[in-house]
Amino acid sequence: MHRPNQFLLFLAGPALFASAAAAAEKAPFVEIAGQAGLDFVHFNGMTGKEYFAEMMGAGVALIDYDGDGDLDVYLVQGQLLGEDDSIDDALIPIGGEPPYSDRLFRNDLEIVGGKPVLRFTDVTREAGIAATGYGMGVASGDVNNDGHIDLYVTNFGENNLLLNNGKAGFSDATADRGAADSRWSVSASFLDFDRDGWLDLFIGNYVNYTMLSHETCRLPNGIPDYCSPSAYRPVNDRFLHNQGGGKFANRSSQVGIEKIFGAALGVIAADFNGDGWADVYVANDGAENQLWMNDQKGRFRDESLLAGTAVNMEGKAEASMGVTAEDFDGDGDIDLFMTHLSRETNTLYVNDGQGWFEDRTMSLALGQSSLSATGFGTAWFDYDNDGWMDLFSANGAVTKVEAQITAGEILPLRQANQLWRNRGGDRGFDEVSAAAGPVFALSEVSRGAAFGDIDNDGDADIVVTNNGGPVRLLQNVVGQDSNWLGVRLLTGSGGRDAIGATLTLRAADRTLSRRVHTDGSYASASDPRVLFGLGDFDGKADLEVRWPDGSTERFAGLKSGRYHELVQGSGSK
């Protein structure tokens, strides 16, 4: 989409921001993974036997594991799957000998000539990372309130809780902390379900596929292909309650989710009805989605059908993969967006403020442009800092593309990723992928996507993982041309990130609502800091915070163009 060489103005009722970034002949993203030293290649273990798990992974986490103020990158790795398979059988080798490990890259950000320069160093061994399962995804949160970000790694097989011990690195505390789950897990979310100051864990589990239950499916022309999830029975999700100090107990039955089965791929926690308590939305593959509303008494109730988020406007369950939740239209409540299979549209559910939703995909111009792709990682994020939340989708097929088979492709699932720009309010979206940079012309098998300000310049960058391919780092080069304000919220207990807090920022005549989270997308964890795009506004802003425990505080006169670290109890009532 061509954008004129002038400021674009966006209205939300009486609100008005101008965005310098919207002036744009400049492509918003450049791909710099290689030059920045992020040299990871995903291994899917393909040997030509079409094992179901090998085409699903994998995720990525953006975490400040060493507390130095910048985001490091944790990347989830695959393995060989068949007992009789050797590395010589691998169709897409990556060198070295299995078992491979997840990898952690330290961000050694430098400022050179007044500009940020990203350099990453592989610190996997020195940080104690020895995660050698068949990796799917990763969730991040401080489970023991010690101020260090911990990780929960989901696998095709045993999951891992990795405790961050500060300078000593990570240690596997899965068994000691009661965090085990041996079923096929994909996405997970940390949340303070009962507002007791400790992060609980909701684990989305997929299907009962094992190597013993493996089936080979075929395309209509007889070519072997991966089976759909309908070939296998879904398994139930799991809720782990934090008993204090990062020790967990399985409370799936007590909270009411144990008997529900859905083939979960995406999981996200947010306050969908505005009552101050964390709810959970589960995006299921080919089955009705679940909206687990928190009853404030220790249980969840699935209200998805009643709320309008179980199926699309046609009454059909879709193959949901990725999910994101934000206030995209500026009305103060949390809306939902999900990615789906090709020949299904992605789906946008608009919240009425009470937790009731309407499928507005078509009226907001997100339907037709998403039909040709299978989406995974996704997020609402304001890439141009104009104050409106845009959309990204990491795409890659799950059914072999016949044209790519004919061309001799080893992994014939390649598709291009997509970017949509928010026109403002309820005016819909424009797909701007063609003008977003050469990286959007690449055709790969993208899966995970994590979002955050990796170079600390005030705009959101993206890390995208590719199944059987290299990681991509999409550096944002336009957001810093507009004004912005960043916030890191810390709880009063342990100084951990205040996951679940909601923020309302007032600047000029504009009110912006955001939330603190790391979850969502697909099998990935993002920056817990919150960025507000301010366009041309360069004055001071006022912020209201509703903390995870339900209390509220105000912080006045926050300057734009910088990050503010705000600790619970330091504001005004």
Protein backbone atom coordinates (compact mmCIF):
# COMPACT_ATOMS: atom_id res chain seq x y z
CA MET A 1 0.00 0.00 0.00
CA HIS A 2 1.35 3.44 -0.94
CA ARG A 3 1.26 6.01 1.83
CA PRO A 4 1.38 9.71 0.95
CA ASN A 5 4.26 11.92 1.98
CA GLN A 6 2.29 13.72 4.67
CA PHE A 7 1.13 13.11 8.19
CA LEU A 8 -1.89 10.81 8.43
CA LEU A 9 -4.46 11.74 11.03
CA PHE A 10 -6.53 9.24 12.93
CA LEU A 11 -9.65 9.91 14.94
CA ALA A 12 -11.18 8.12 17.90
CA GLY A 13 -14.21 10.21 18.74
CA PRO A 14 -12.67 13.51 19.77
CA ALA A 15 -9.20 12.04 20.04
CA LEU A 16 -6.55 13.03 17.57
CA PHE A 17 -2.95 11.94 17.05
CA ALA A 18 -0.76 12.62 14.07
CA SER A 19 1.86 10.01 13.24
CA ALA A 20 5.19 10.97 11.77
CA ALA A 21 5.89 7.30 11.09
CA ALA A 22 2.93 7.08 8.79
CA ALA A 23 4.67 9.26 6.26
CA ALA A 24 6.23 6.50 4.71
CA GLU A 25 8.10 5.61 1.76
CA LYS A 26 10.41 3.75 4.10
CA ALA A 27 9.82 0.02 4.64
CA PRO A 28 9.15 -0.51 8.36
CA PHE A 29 11.23 -3.69 8.86
CA VAL A 30 14.69 -4.97 7.98
CA GLU A 31 15.85 -8.52 8.64
CA ILE A 32 19.15 -8.58 10.60
CA ALA A 33 19.38 -11.97 12.37
CA GLY A 34 22.57 -13.01 10.59
CA GLN A 35 24.46 -9.77 11.00
CA ALA A 36 23.40 -9.55 14.66
CA GLY A 37 24.79 -13.02 15.43
CA LEU A 38 21.46 -14.76 15.91
CA ASP A 39 22.59 -17.86 14.04
CA PHE A 40 19.95 -20.40 15.03
CA VAL A 41 18.43 -22.92 12.60
CA HIS A 42 15.47 -25.03 13.67
CA PHE A 43 15.76 -28.81 13.34
CA ASN A 44 12.43 -30.58 12.78
CA GLY A 45 13.77 -34.13 12.55
CA MET A 46 12.15 -34.85 9.18
CA THR A 47 13.05 -38.22 7.72
CA GLY A 48 10.24 -38.53 5.19
CA LYS A 49 7.90 -40.49 7.48
CA GLU A 50 5.51 -37.56 8.12
CA TYR A 51 5.57 -37.72 11.89
CA PHE A 52 2.81 -35.33 13.00
CA ALA A 53 4.86 -33.40 15.57
CA GLU A 54 7.65 -32.45 13.19
CA MET A 55 5.67 -29.83 11.31
CA MET A 56 4.26 -27.96 14.35
CA GLY A 57 7.23 -26.35 16.19
CA ALA A 58 8.63 -24.12 17.39
CA GLY A 59 8.44 -21.04 19.59
CA VAL A 60 10.67 -18.26 20.90
CA ALA A 61 10.87 -16.11 24.04
CA LEU A 62 12.13 -12.55 24.51
CA ILE A 63 13.40 -12.27 28.10
CA ASP A 64 15.85 -10.14 30.03
CA TYR A 65 17.34 -13.18 31.71
CA ASP A 66 20.40 -11.37 33.13
CA GLY A 67 18.66 -8.18 34.27
CA ASP A 68 20.82 -5.83 32.20
CA GLY A 69 17.88 -3.98 30.66
CA ASP A 70 17.75 -5.53 27.20
CA LEU A 71 15.92 -8.51 25.72
CA ASP A 72 17.70 -11.80 25.21
CA VAL A 73 16.38 -14.53 22.90
CA TYR A 74 15.49 -18.11 23.89
CA LEU A 75 14.87 -20.43 20.93
CA VAL A 76 13.15 -23.81 21.12
CA GLN A 77 14.71 -26.72 19.25
CA GLY A 78 13.52 -30.04 17.79
CA GLN A 79 15.03 -33.55 17.72
CA LEU A 80 14.94 -36.80 15.80
CA LEU A 81 11.68 -38.59 16.49
CA GLY A 82 11.86 -42.18 15.24
CA GLU A 83 13.72 -44.72 17.40
CA ASP A 84 15.31 -46.20 14.30
CA ASP A 85 16.19 -42.83 12.73
CA SER A 86 19.72 -41.48 12.68
CA ILE A 87 21.06 -38.05 11.83
CA ASP A 88 22.01 -39.42 8.42
CA ASP A 89 18.29 -39.86 7.69
CA ALA A 90 17.50 -36.18 8.33
CA LEU A 91 16.20 -34.44 5.22
CA ILE A 92 17.17 -30.99 6.54
CA PRO A 93 20.39 -31.45 8.56
CA ILE A 94 21.83 -28.64 10.67
CA GLY A 95 25.22 -30.13 11.50
CA GLY A 96 26.49 -31.50 14.78
CA GLU A 97 25.21 -34.53 16.63
CA PRO A 98 21.84 -34.90 18.38
CA PRO A 99 20.38 -34.53 20.86
CA TYR A 100 20.19 -30.84 20.13
CA SER A 101 19.38 -28.28 22.82
CA ASP A 102 17.26 -25.17 23.00
CA ARG A 103 19.53 -22.14 22.77
CA LEU A 104 19.84 -18.87 24.63
CA PHE A 105 21.39 -15.80 22.99
CA ARG A 106 22.47 -12.89 25.19
CA ASN A 107 21.77 -9.43 23.84
CA ASP A 108 24.98 -7.39 23.94
CA LEU A 109 23.33 -4.19 22.74
CA GLU A 110 25.68 -1.26 22.09
CA ILE A 111 25.08 2.36 21.16
CA VAL A 112 27.39 3.34 18.30
CA GLY A 113 27.20 6.86 16.92
CA GLY A 114 23.99 7.42 18.84
CA LYS A 115 22.30 4.42 17.25
CA PRO A 116 21.62 0.96 18.73
CA VAL A 117 23.66 -1.92 17.33
CA LEU A 118 22.45 -5.44 18.11
CA ARG A 119 24.98 -8.18 18.79
CA PHE A 120 24.01 -11.57 20.20
CA THR A 121 26.23 -14.12 21.94
CA ASP A 122 25.30 -17.78 22.36
CA VAL A 123 25.34 -18.38 26.14
CA THR A 124 23.45 -21.68 26.15
CA ARG A 125 26.08 -23.64 28.04
CA GLU A 126 27.17 -20.97 30.50
CA ALA A 127 23.52 -20.27 31.36
CA GLY A 128 22.92 -23.95 32.15
CA ILE A 129 20.42 -24.58 29.35
CA ALA A 130 20.16 -28.31 28.65
CA ALA A 131 16.63 -28.60 27.30
CA THR A 132 16.85 -31.54 24.88
CA GLY A 133 13.20 -32.55 24.47
CA TYR A 134 11.32 -32.21 21.20
CA GLY A 135 10.51 -28.55 21.77
CA MET A 136 7.22 -26.83 20.96
CA GLY A 137 6.92 -23.58 22.86
CA VAL A 138 7.96 -21.46 25.80
CA ALA A 139 6.24 -19.28 28.39
CA SER A 140 7.98 -16.73 30.63
CA GLY A 141 7.28 -15.41 34.11
CA ASP A 142 8.85 -15.06 37.56
CA VAL A 143 7.36 -18.01 39.42
CA ASN A 144 9.13 -17.51 42.77
CA ASN A 145 9.10 -13.70 42.96
CA ASP A 146 12.87 -13.38 43.11
CA GLY A 147 13.06 -10.79 40.33
CA HIS A 148 14.46 -13.24 37.74
CA ILE A 149 12.50 -14.41 34.68
CA ASP A 150 11.84 -18.16 34.64
CA LEU A 151 10.80 -20.30 31.68
CA TYR A 152 8.32 -23.07 31.08
CA VAL A 153 9.22 -25.07 27.96
CA THR A 154 6.49 -27.16 26.32
CA ASN A 155 7.44 -30.29 24.43
CA PHE A 156 6.21 -33.22 22.48
CA GLY A 157 6.92 -35.22 25.61
CA GLU A 158 7.98 -34.04 29.08
CA ASN A 159 7.76 -30.30 29.71
CA ASN A 160 10.48 -28.37 31.58
CA LEU A 161 10.35 -25.67 34.24
CA LEU A 162 13.64 -23.76 34.05
CA LEU A 163 14.33 -21.66 37.15
CA ASN A 164 16.50 -18.60 36.66
CA ASN A 165 19.04 -18.45 39.47
CA GLY A 166 20.46 -15.10 38.47
CA LYS A 167 24.17 -15.14 37.67
CA ALA A 168 24.26 -18.92 38.15
CA GLY A 169 21.96 -19.41 35.15
CA PHE A 170 19.03 -21.78 34.80
CA SER A 171 18.29 -25.11 36.45
CA ASP A 172 15.61 -27.68 35.61
CA ALA A 173 13.18 -27.68 38.54
CA THR A 174 10.30 -29.52 36.84
CA ALA A 175 10.04 -32.44 39.26
CA ASP A 176 10.97 -30.54 42.42
CA ARG A 177 8.36 -27.84 41.77
CA GLY A 178 5.47 -30.07 40.68
CA ALA A 179 5.41 -28.67 37.15
CA ALA A 180 5.55 -31.86 35.10
CA ASP A 181 3.24 -32.64 32.19
CA SER A 182 4.15 -35.44 29.81
CA ARG A 183 1.40 -34.91 27.26
CA TRP A 184 1.90 -33.04 24.00
CA SER A 185 1.83 -29.39 25.11
CA VAL A 186 2.20 -26.40 22.78
CA SER A 187 1.33 -23.04 24.36
CA ALA A 188 1.17 -21.99 28.00
CA SER A 189 0.33 -18.86 29.93
CA PHE A 190 1.37 -17.47 33.32
CA LEU A 191 -1.37 -15.64 35.24
CA ASP A 192 -2.28 -14.77 38.80
CA PHE A 193 -5.60 -16.59 38.77
CA ASP A 194 -6.54 -16.01 42.43
CA ARG A 195 -4.77 -12.65 42.98
CA ASP A 196 -2.54 -14.06 45.72
CA GLY A 197 0.65 -12.53 44.32
CA TRP A 198 2.01 -15.78 42.78
CA LEU A 199 1.93 -16.68 39.09
CA ASP A 200 -0.09 -19.77 38.23
CA LEU A 201 0.26 -21.68 34.95
CA PHE A 202 -2.31 -22.70 32.33
CA ILE A 203 -0.94 -25.34 29.92
CA GLY A 204 -2.59 -25.91 26.56
CA ASN A 205 -2.36 -29.57 25.53
CA TYR A 206 -2.90 -30.83 22.01
CA VAL A 207 -3.72 -34.42 20.95
CA ASN A 208 -2.79 -37.94 22.06
CA TYR A 209 -0.44 -38.55 19.15
CA THR A 210 2.51 -40.79 20.00
CA MET A 211 5.06 -42.57 17.87
CA LEU A 212 3.08 -45.77 18.50
CA SER A 213 -0.16 -44.19 17.23
CA HIS A 214 1.48 -42.64 14.14
CA GLU A 215 -0.58 -42.75 10.97
CA THR A 216 0.32 -41.77 7.45
CA CYS A 217 -2.26 -39.71 5.60
CA ARG A 218 -2.30 -38.82 1.92
CA LEU A 219 -3.18 -36.01 -0.44
CA PRO A 220 -5.93 -36.67 -3.02
CA ASN A 221 -3.21 -37.60 -5.54
CA GLY A 222 -1.87 -40.27 -3.19
CA ILE A 223 1.27 -38.42 -2.03
CA PRO A 224 1.97 -39.07 1.69
CA ASP A 225 1.13 -36.08 3.89
CA TYR A 226 0.75 -35.08 7.51
CA CYS A 227 -2.51 -36.08 9.17
CA SER A 228 -4.96 -33.54 10.54
CA PRO A 229 -5.53 -33.40 14.31
CA SER A 230 -8.91 -35.07 13.77
CA ALA A 231 -7.02 -38.35 13.28
CA TYR A 232 -6.20 -38.32 16.99
CA ARG A 233 -8.12 -37.78 20.22
CA PRO A 234 -7.63 -34.37 21.88
CA VAL A 235 -6.29 -34.27 25.44
CA ASN A 236 -7.29 -32.01 28.29
CA ASP A 237 -5.45 -28.88 29.34
CA ARG A 238 -3.81 -28.48 32.74
CA PHE A 239 -3.93 -25.78 35.42
CA LEU A 240 -1.02 -25.62 37.86
CA HIS A 241 -1.64 -23.55 40.97
CA ASN A 242 1.37 -21.79 42.48
CA GLN A 243 1.35 -22.71 46.16
CA GLY A 244 3.92 -20.05 46.93
CA GLY A 245 7.63 -19.85 46.16
CA GLY A 246 7.19 -21.39 42.72
CA LYS A 247 5.90 -24.75 43.94
CA PHE A 248 2.97 -25.97 41.86
CA ALA A 249 0.06 -28.34 42.36
CA ASN A 250 -2.22 -29.70 39.66
CA ARG A 251 -5.64 -28.12 40.29
CA SER A 252 -7.22 -28.81 36.89
CA SER A 253 -10.16 -30.63 38.47
CA GLN A 254 -10.72 -28.06 41.21
CA VAL A 255 -10.87 -25.13 38.78
CA GLY A 256 -13.20 -26.98 36.41
CA ILE A 257 -11.16 -27.61 33.24
CA GLU A 258 -10.13 -31.25 33.60
CA LYS A 259 -13.03 -32.85 31.70
CA ILE A 260 -12.89 -30.53 28.69
CA PHE A 261 -10.94 -31.63 25.59
CA GLY A 262 -10.11 -29.31 22.72
CA ALA A 263 -6.72 -29.78 20.95
CA ALA A 264 -5.26 -26.51 22.24
CA LEU A 265 -2.64 -24.60 20.24
CA GLY A 266 -3.01 -21.00 21.45
CA VAL A 267 -3.49 -19.85 25.05
CA ILE A 268 -3.82 -16.31 26.39
CA ALA A 269 -4.86 -14.80 29.74
CA ALA A 270 -6.61 -11.43 30.04
CA ASP A 271 -9.48 -9.74 31.84
CA PHE A 272 -12.13 -10.05 29.14
CA ASN A 273 -15.13 -8.77 31.10
CA GLY A 274 -13.44 -5.95 33.00
CA ASP A 275 -14.03 -7.33 36.51
CA GLY A 276 -10.35 -7.21 37.49
CA TRP A 277 -9.77 -10.99 37.44
CA ALA A 278 -7.71 -12.96 34.92
CA ASP A 279 -9.64 -15.09 32.43
CA VAL A 280 -8.19 -17.52 29.89
CA TYR A 281 -8.93 -17.99 26.20
CA VAL A 282 -7.92 -21.24 24.50
CA ALA A 283 -7.64 -21.48 20.71
CA ASN A 284 -8.35 -25.07 19.66
CA ASP A 285 -7.37 -26.76 16.42
CA GLY A 286 -10.53 -27.73 14.55
CA ALA A 287 -12.76 -27.63 17.65
CA GLU A 288 -14.77 -24.99 19.49
CA ASN A 289 -12.59 -22.55 21.37
CA GLN A 290 -12.96 -21.98 25.12
CA LEU A 291 -13.38 -18.73 27.01
CA TRP A 292 -12.65 -19.62 30.62
CA MET A 293 -14.17 -16.85 32.74
CA ASN A 294 -12.85 -16.50 36.27
CA ASP A 295 -15.71 -16.70 38.79
CA GLN A 296 -13.55 -15.07 41.53
CA LYS A 297 -14.25 -18.09 43.76
CA GLY A 298 -11.56 -20.47 42.52
CA ARG A 299 -13.16 -21.86 39.36
CA PHE A 300 -13.39 -21.22 35.63
CA ARG A 301 -16.59 -21.35 33.58
CA ASP A 302 -16.48 -21.87 29.82
CA GLU A 303 -18.63 -19.08 28.37
CA SER A 304 -17.30 -19.18 24.84
CA LEU A 305 -20.52 -20.24 23.13
CA LEU A 306 -22.58 -17.70 25.04
CA ALA A 307 -19.98 -14.95 24.57
CA GLY A 308 -19.68 -15.55 20.81
CA THR A 309 -16.03 -16.71 20.68
CA ALA A 310 -16.41 -20.49 20.27
CA VAL A 311 -17.04 -20.44 16.51
CA ASN A 312 -16.97 -17.92 13.67
CA MET A 313 -19.88 -15.90 12.30
CA GLU A 314 -20.94 -18.89 10.20
CA GLY A 315 -21.17 -21.11 13.27
CA LYS A 316 -18.08 -23.10 12.30
CA ALA A 317 -15.20 -24.18 14.48
CA GLU A 318 -11.89 -23.24 12.86
CA ALA A 319 -8.34 -24.54 13.00
CA SER A 320 -7.15 -21.93 15.49
CA MET A 321 -3.38 -21.67 15.99
CA GLY A 322 -2.23 -18.26 17.21
CA VAL A 323 -4.11 -15.78 19.38
CA THR A 324 -3.66 -12.18 20.51
CA ALA A 325 -5.72 -10.01 22.85
CA GLU A 326 -5.56 -6.21 23.04
CA ASP A 327 -7.72 -3.11 22.80
CA PHE A 328 -7.26 -2.61 19.05
CA ASP A 329 -10.14 -0.14 18.60
CA GLY A 330 -9.45 2.19 21.54
CA ASP A 331 -12.71 1.62 23.42
CA GLY A 332 -11.10 0.37 26.63
CA ASP A 333 -11.82 -3.36 26.45
CA ILE A 334 -9.90 -6.44 25.30
CA ASP A 335 -10.59 -7.79 21.82
CA LEU A 336 -9.47 -11.13 20.32
CA PHE A 337 -7.77 -12.13 17.07
CA MET A 338 -6.88 -15.64 15.89
CA THR A 339 -4.97 -17.13 13.00
CA HIS A 340 -6.34 -20.10 11.07
CA LEU A 341 -5.85 -22.48 8.14
CA SER A 342 -5.79 -21.40 4.52
CA ARG A 343 -9.30 -21.32 3.06
CA GLU A 344 -10.45 -20.18 6.48
CA THR A 345 -10.21 -16.53 7.36
CA ASN A 346 -8.35 -15.32 10.38
CA THR A 347 -10.94 -14.15 12.89
CA LEU A 348 -11.37 -10.92 14.85
CA TYR A 349 -13.83 -10.87 17.77
CA VAL A 350 -14.79 -7.38 18.98
CA ASN A 351 -15.59 -7.05 22.70
CA ASP A 352 -18.59 -4.96 23.78
CA GLY A 353 -16.93 -4.22 27.14
CA GLN A 354 -18.88 -6.83 29.10
CA GLY A 355 -17.21 -9.95 27.72
CA TRP A 356 -19.63 -10.44 24.82
CA PHE A 357 -18.07 -10.61 21.37
CA GLU A 358 -18.99 -10.15 17.71
CA ASP A 359 -17.11 -11.61 14.74
CA ARG A 360 -16.15 -8.47 12.76
CA THR A 361 -13.55 -10.09 10.51
CA MET A 362 -15.18 -9.23 7.22
CA SER A 363 -16.40 -5.73 8.07
CA LEU A 364 -12.90 -4.77 9.26
CA ALA A 365 -11.26 -6.01 6.04
CA LEU A 366 -9.32 -8.95 7.50
CA GLY A 367 -11.12 -11.79 5.76
CA GLN A 368 -10.18 -11.94 2.09
CA SER A 369 -6.50 -11.14 2.63
CA SER A 370 -6.05 -14.06 5.06
CA LEU A 371 -7.73 -16.81 3.02
CA SER A 372 -4.59 -17.95 1.19
CA ALA A 373 -2.36 -18.45 4.23
CA THR A 374 -2.14 -20.65 7.33
CA GLY A 375 -1.31 -18.40 10.27
CA PHE A 376 0.54 -19.23 13.48
CA GLY A 377 2.34 -16.58 15.57
CA THR A 378 0.48 -13.28 15.77
CA ALA A 379 0.07 -10.10 17.77
CA TRP A 380 -1.59 -6.75 17.86
CA PHE A 381 1.26 -4.26 18.15
CA ASP A 382 1.75 -0.65 17.12
CA TYR A 383 4.64 -0.89 14.67
CA ASP A 384 4.46 2.74 13.51
CA ASN A 385 3.69 4.24 16.95
CA ASP A 386 0.61 6.11 15.76
CA GLY A 387 -1.41 4.88 18.76
CA TRP A 388 -3.31 2.16 16.88
CA MET A 389 -2.60 -1.56 17.18
CA ASP A 390 -1.56 -3.22 13.93
CA LEU A 391 -1.45 -6.97 13.15
CA PHE A 392 1.23 -9.46 12.14
CA SER A 393 0.82 -13.10 11.14
CA ALA A 394 3.61 -15.69 10.84
CA ASN A 395 2.48 -18.07 8.10
CA GLY A 396 3.32 -21.59 7.00
CA ALA A 397 1.16 -24.42 5.67
CA VAL A 398 0.42 -27.72 7.43
CA THR A 399 -0.74 -29.57 4.33
CA LYS A 400 1.84 -30.06 1.60
CA VAL A 401 1.57 -27.58 -1.27
CA GLU A 402 1.45 -29.57 -4.51
CA ALA A 403 3.25 -26.93 -6.57
CA GLN A 404 6.15 -27.02 -4.10
CA ILE A 405 6.18 -30.83 -4.22
CA THR A 406 6.41 -30.66 -8.02
CA ALA A 407 9.28 -28.19 -7.70
CA GLY A 408 11.18 -30.67 -5.52
CA GLU A 409 10.82 -28.81 -2.20
CA ILE A 410 11.93 -30.88 0.79
CA LEU A 411 9.52 -29.07 3.13
CA PRO A 412 6.67 -28.00 0.81
CA LEU A 413 4.83 -25.85 3.37
CA ARG A 414 6.26 -22.42 2.58
CA GLN A 415 4.19 -19.23 2.70
CA ALA A 416 4.89 -15.51 3.15
CA ASN A 417 4.17 -13.65 6.38
CA GLN A 418 1.70 -10.76 6.55
CA LEU A 419 1.33 -7.31 8.10
CA TRP A 420 -1.87 -5.26 8.42
CA ARG A 421 -2.02 -1.59 9.37
CA ASN A 422 -4.84 -0.36 11.59
CA ARG A 423 -6.69 2.55 9.99
CA GLY A 424 -7.99 3.64 13.41
CA GLY A 425 -10.99 2.80 15.57
CA ASP A 426 -13.51 0.69 13.67
CA ARG A 427 -12.22 1.75 10.24
CA GLY A 428 -10.58 -1.60 9.59
CA PHE A 429 -7.18 -2.72 8.36
CA ASP A 430 -5.05 -2.47 5.22
CA GLU A 431 -2.65 -5.26 4.32
CA VAL A 432 0.75 -3.59 3.86
CA SER A 433 2.94 -6.69 3.52
CA ALA A 434 4.20 -5.75 0.06
CA ALA A 435 5.63 -2.47 1.38
CA ALA A 436 6.85 -3.77 4.75
CA GLY A 437 10.34 -4.79 3.63
CA PRO A 438 12.07 -7.56 1.62
CA VAL A 439 11.68 -10.02 4.51
CA PHE A 440 7.95 -10.13 3.77
CA ALA A 441 8.71 -11.42 0.28
CA LEU A 442 10.34 -14.54 1.73
CA SER A 443 8.37 -17.77 1.57
CA GLU A 444 9.17 -19.92 4.62
CA VAL A 445 7.47 -22.19 7.13
CA SER A 446 7.00 -19.66 9.93
CA ARG A 447 5.61 -20.69 13.30
CA GLY A 448 6.48 -18.79 16.48
CA ALA A 449 6.63 -15.01 16.76
CA ALA A 450 7.65 -12.88 19.74
CA PHE A 451 7.32 -9.10 19.94
CA GLY A 452 9.36 -6.57 21.88
CA ASP A 453 11.72 -3.62 21.78
CA ILE A 454 14.92 -5.59 21.26
CA ASP A 455 17.11 -2.56 20.54
CA ASN A 456 15.49 -0.30 23.18
CA ASP A 457 14.72 2.45 20.71
CA GLY A 458 11.02 2.79 21.54
CA ASP A 459 9.35 0.55 18.97
CA ALA A 460 8.40 -3.10 18.64
CA ASP A 461 10.65 -5.55 16.79
CA ILE A 462 9.74 -9.15 15.90
CA VAL A 463 11.56 -12.47 16.16
CA VAL A 464 10.08 -15.16 13.92
CA THR A 465 10.97 -18.86 14.01
CA ASN A 466 10.86 -21.03 10.93
CA ASN A 467 10.23 -24.76 11.05
CA GLY A 468 13.26 -26.39 9.46
CA GLY A 469 14.83 -23.01 8.75
CA PRO A 470 16.66 -20.00 10.21
CA VAL A 471 15.33 -17.58 12.78
CA ARG A 472 14.44 -14.09 11.51
CA LEU A 473 14.91 -10.84 13.41
CA LEU A 474 12.72 -8.07 12.01
CA GLN A 475 14.13 -4.80 13.26
CA ASN A 476 11.66 -1.94 13.27
CA VAL A 477 13.13 1.13 11.55
CA VAL A 478 10.12 3.48 11.47
CA GLY A 479 8.52 3.40 14.92
CA GLN A 480 11.25 5.53 16.48
CA ASP A 481 10.36 8.31 14.06
CA SER A 482 7.23 8.92 16.13
CA ASN A 483 6.99 9.69 19.82
CA TRP A 484 6.42 6.94 22.33
CA LEU A 485 6.32 6.12 26.00
CA GLY A 486 7.42 2.84 27.53
CA VAL A 487 6.45 1.32 30.87
CA ARG A 488 7.73 -1.58 32.91
CA LEU A 489 5.44 -2.39 35.82
CA LEU A 490 6.80 -4.25 38.85
CA THR A 491 4.75 -5.67 41.70
CA GLY A 492 5.51 -4.78 45.27
CA SER A 493 6.13 -8.47 46.08
CA GLY A 494 9.53 -9.51 44.78
CA GLY A 495 9.70 -6.86 42.11
CA ARG A 496 8.47 -9.17 39.36
CA ASP A 497 6.77 -8.01 36.18
CA ALA A 498 3.14 -7.25 36.98
CA ILE A 499 1.64 -9.76 34.54
CA GLY A 500 -2.10 -9.16 34.31
CA ALA A 501 -1.99 -5.45 35.11
CA THR A 502 -3.92 -3.08 32.84
CA LEU A 503 -2.76 0.42 31.93
CA THR A 504 -4.75 3.43 30.78
CA LEU A 505 -2.69 6.31 29.40
CA ARG A 506 -4.07 9.77 28.72
CA ALA A 507 -2.19 12.11 26.43
CA ALA A 508 -3.73 15.14 24.77
CA ASP A 509 -7.29 14.06 23.93
CA ARG A 510 -6.35 10.41 23.40
CA THR A 511 -6.87 7.52 25.82
CA LEU A 512 -4.89 4.32 25.20
CA SER A 513 -5.41 1.01 26.99
CA ARG A 514 -2.80 -1.73 27.15
CA ARG A 515 -2.04 -4.76 29.35
CA VAL A 516 1.08 -6.36 30.82
CA HIS A 517 1.60 -9.85 29.45
CA THR A 518 4.13 -12.17 27.87
CA ASP A 519 1.73 -14.80 26.51
CA GLY A 520 -0.26 -15.21 23.30
CA SER A 521 0.97 -15.48 19.71
CA TYR A 522 1.85 -19.15 19.09
CA ALA A 523 4.06 -21.08 21.49
CA SER A 524 6.03 -17.90 22.25
CA ALA A 525 6.66 -15.28 24.93
CA SER A 526 7.03 -11.55 24.34
CA ASP A 527 8.43 -8.46 26.07
CA PRO A 528 6.56 -7.72 29.33
CA ARG A 529 7.15 -3.99 28.90
CA VAL A 530 4.33 -1.91 27.46
CA LEU A 531 4.83 0.55 24.60
CA PHE A 532 2.45 3.41 23.86
CA GLY A 533 2.73 5.00 20.43
CA LEU A 534 2.13 8.76 20.66
CA GLY A 535 2.54 9.92 17.09
CA ASP A 536 3.54 13.62 17.13
CA PHE A 537 2.55 14.15 20.75
CA ASP A 538 5.70 14.98 22.78
CA GLY A 539 4.24 16.26 26.03
CA LYS A 540 3.71 14.53 29.35
CA ALA A 541 1.14 11.81 29.88
CA ASP A 542 -0.84 10.51 32.83
CA LEU A 543 -1.13 6.82 33.56
CA GLU A 544 -3.64 4.82 35.57
CA VAL A 545 -2.68 1.28 36.55
CA ARG A 546 -4.93 -1.48 37.77
CA TRP A 547 -2.59 -3.96 39.39
CA PRO A 548 -3.15 -7.74 39.29
CA ASP A 549 -4.50 -7.67 42.87
CA GLY A 550 -7.25 -5.25 41.81
CA SER A 551 -5.82 -2.10 43.40
CA THR A 552 -5.36 1.07 41.33
CA GLU A 553 -2.75 3.81 41.26
CA ARG A 554 -2.03 6.91 39.19
CA PHE A 555 1.26 8.20 37.86
CA ALA A 556 1.21 11.76 36.56
CA GLY A 557 3.48 13.71 34.25
CA LEU A 558 5.34 10.85 32.55
CA LYS A 559 7.73 12.06 29.86
CA SER A 560 7.60 10.63 26.37
CA GLY A 561 10.59 9.16 24.56
CA ARG A 562 11.77 7.00 27.46
CA TYR A 563 10.95 3.94 29.55
CA HIS A 564 9.51 4.35 33.04
CA GLU A 565 9.94 1.64 35.68
CA LEU A 566 6.98 1.89 38.03
CA VAL A 567 6.74 -0.12 41.24
CA GLN A 568 3.44 -0.94 42.91
CA GLY A 569 2.89 1.37 45.85
CA SER A 570 4.88 4.29 44.45
CA GLY A 571 1.97 6.05 42.73
CA SER A 572 -0.98 8.02 44.06
CA LYS A 573 -4.37 6.56 44.85
